[in-house]
Amino acid sequence: MKTIVAKRLRKSAESGLVTNHGETVVCGKCGQRFAIPSDSSVPDTELIGKRIAWLKDQLVWDHIQERRHHGSMELPDLK
């Protein structure tokens, strides 16, 4: 099984945000953005929703623990 990694997006001087054709999750507390790449040509909306929810929970947990967000987070197998 292929490992899916959410990566923090950084601002680019020319084009605003750099994205990679997947879903983008924004931390509600600090506004940092994370990209979840799509892993197939046919989107599985239920799986995408689970990944987004998991990542949002992790971002909230980071703030509860008063720690910085990692540059990337490996997503668990949520199938």
C-alpha atoms as a PDB file:
ATOM      1  CA  MET A   1       0.000   0.000   0.000  1.00  0.00           C
ATOM      2  CA  LYS A   2       1.218   3.456  -0.893  1.00  0.00           C
ATOM      3  CA  THR A   3       1.921   5.830   2.002  1.00  0.00           C
ATOM      4  CA  ILE A   4       0.003   9.115   1.821  1.00  0.00           C
ATOM      5  CA  VAL A   5       1.694  12.152   3.360  1.00  0.00           C
ATOM      6  CA  ALA A   6       0.056  15.517   4.012  1.00  0.00           C
ATOM      7  CA  LYS A   7       2.566  18.333   3.465  1.00  0.00           C
ATOM      8  CA  ARG A   8       2.497  21.865   4.796  1.00  0.00           C
ATOM      9  CA  LEU A   9       2.194  24.408   1.999  1.00  0.00           C
ATOM     10  CA  ARG A  10       4.413  27.459   1.906  1.00  0.00           C
ATOM     11  CA  LYS A  11       3.697  30.733   0.211  1.00  0.00           C
ATOM     12  CA  SER A  12       5.416  31.369  -3.083  1.00  0.00           C
ATOM     13  CA  ALA A  13       6.429  34.900  -4.046  1.00  0.00           C
ATOM     14  CA  GLU A  14       5.062  34.578  -7.594  1.00  0.00           C
ATOM     15  CA  SER A  15       1.875  32.607  -7.296  1.00  0.00           C
ATOM     16  CA  GLY A  16       0.563  32.709  -3.742  1.00  0.00           C
ATOM     17  CA  LEU A  17       0.228  29.101  -2.617  1.00  0.00           C
ATOM     18  CA  VAL A  18       1.894  26.055  -4.094  1.00  0.00           C
ATOM     19  CA  THR A  19      -0.559  23.164  -4.444  1.00  0.00           C
ATOM     20  CA  ASN A  20      -0.360  19.647  -5.810  1.00  0.00           C
ATOM     21  CA  HIS A  21      -3.838  18.808  -7.167  1.00  0.00           C
ATOM     22  CA  GLY A  22      -5.258  17.230  -4.030  1.00  0.00           C
ATOM     23  CA  GLU A  23      -7.277  18.414  -1.065  1.00  0.00           C
ATOM     24  CA  THR A  24      -6.141  21.348   1.053  1.00  0.00           C
ATOM     25  CA  VAL A  25      -6.837  21.457   4.794  1.00  0.00           C
ATOM     26  CA  VAL A  26      -6.537  24.744   6.669  1.00  0.00           C
ATOM     27  CA  CYS A  27      -5.819  24.844  10.406  1.00  0.00           C
ATOM     28  CA  GLY A  28      -8.686  26.747  12.016  1.00  0.00           C
ATOM     29  CA  LYS A  29      -6.417  28.113  14.733  1.00  0.00           C
ATOM     30  CA  CYS A  30      -3.370  29.434  12.859  1.00  0.00           C
ATOM     31  CA  GLY A  31      -4.325  29.269   9.174  1.00  0.00           C
ATOM     32  CA  GLN A  32      -1.482  26.996   8.045  1.00  0.00           C
ATOM     33  CA  ARG A  33      -2.429  24.932   5.003  1.00  0.00           C
ATOM     34  CA  PHE A  34      -1.706  21.275   4.355  1.00  0.00           C
ATOM     35  CA  ALA A  35      -2.089  19.407   1.063  1.00  0.00           C
ATOM     36  CA  ILE A  36      -3.373  15.843   0.926  1.00  0.00           C
ATOM     37  CA  PRO A  37      -2.436  14.430  -2.475  1.00  0.00           C
ATOM     38  CA  SER A  38      -4.933  12.301  -4.355  1.00  0.00           C
ATOM     39  CA  ASP A  39      -3.691   8.731  -4.679  1.00  0.00           C
ATOM     40  CA  SER A  40      -5.814   7.603  -7.626  1.00  0.00           C
ATOM     41  CA  SER A  41      -7.489   8.907 -10.744  1.00  0.00           C
ATOM     42  CA  VAL A  42     -10.933   7.971  -9.350  1.00  0.00           C
ATOM     43  CA  PRO A  43     -11.595   9.919  -6.136  1.00  0.00           C
ATOM     44  CA  ASP A  44     -13.015   8.043  -3.144  1.00  0.00           C
ATOM     45  CA  THR A  45     -15.006  10.808  -1.450  1.00  0.00           C
ATOM     46  CA  GLU A  46     -15.570   8.817   1.745  1.00  0.00           C
ATOM     47  CA  LEU A  47     -11.841   8.132   2.135  1.00  0.00           C
ATOM     48  CA  ILE A  48     -10.979  11.759   1.347  1.00  0.00           C
ATOM     49  CA  GLY A  49     -13.435  12.887   4.024  1.00  0.00           C
ATOM     50  CA  LYS A  50     -11.857  10.547   6.585  1.00  0.00           C
ATOM     51  CA  ARG A  51      -8.364  11.846   5.766  1.00  0.00           C
ATOM     52  CA  ILE A  52      -9.479  15.462   6.063  1.00  0.00           C
ATOM     53  CA  ALA A  53     -11.182  14.801   9.419  1.00  0.00           C
ATOM     54  CA  TRP A  54      -8.121  12.948  10.759  1.00  0.00           C
ATOM     55  CA  LEU A  55      -5.764  15.747   9.712  1.00  0.00           C
ATOM     56  CA  LYS A  56      -8.002  18.454  11.217  1.00  0.00           C
ATOM     57  CA  ASP A  57      -8.034  16.520  14.512  1.00  0.00           C
ATOM     58  CA  GLN A  58      -4.224  16.346  14.468  1.00  0.00           C
ATOM     59  CA  LEU A  59      -3.944  20.088  13.842  1.00  0.00           C
ATOM     60  CA  VAL A  60      -6.258  20.821  16.787  1.00  0.00           C
ATOM     61  CA  TRP A  61      -4.263  18.402  18.949  1.00  0.00           C
ATOM     62  CA  ASP A  62      -1.025  20.209  18.059  1.00  0.00           C
ATOM     63  CA  HIS A  63      -2.484  23.446  19.438  1.00  0.00           C
ATOM     64  CA  ILE A  64      -3.808  21.728  22.576  1.00  0.00           C
ATOM     65  CA  GLN A  65      -0.309  20.332  23.192  1.00  0.00           C
ATOM     66  CA  GLU A  66       1.187  23.761  22.379  1.00  0.00           C
ATOM     67  CA  ARG A  67       3.509  22.401  19.720  1.00  0.00           C
ATOM     68  CA  ARG A  68       4.216  23.496  16.177  1.00  0.00           C
ATOM     69  CA  HIS A  69       2.733  21.663  13.225  1.00  0.00           C
ATOM     70  CA  HIS A  70       5.127  19.263  11.501  1.00  0.00           C
ATOM     71  CA  GLY A  71       6.142  19.996   7.926  1.00  0.00           C
ATOM     72  CA  SER A  72       4.552  16.712   6.886  1.00  0.00           C
ATOM     73  CA  MET A  73       2.293  14.100   8.480  1.00  0.00           C
ATOM     74  CA  GLU A  74       1.910  10.503   7.383  1.00  0.00           C
ATOM     75  CA  LEU A  75      -1.770   9.663   7.175  1.00  0.00           C
ATOM     76  CA  PRO A  76      -2.930   6.348   8.625  1.00  0.00           C
ATOM     77  CA  ASP A  77      -4.640   3.700   6.499  1.00  0.00           C
ATOM     78  CA  LEU A  78      -8.287   4.715   6.930  1.00  0.00           C
ATOM     79  CA  LYS A  79      -9.883   2.319   4.431  1.00  0.00           C
END
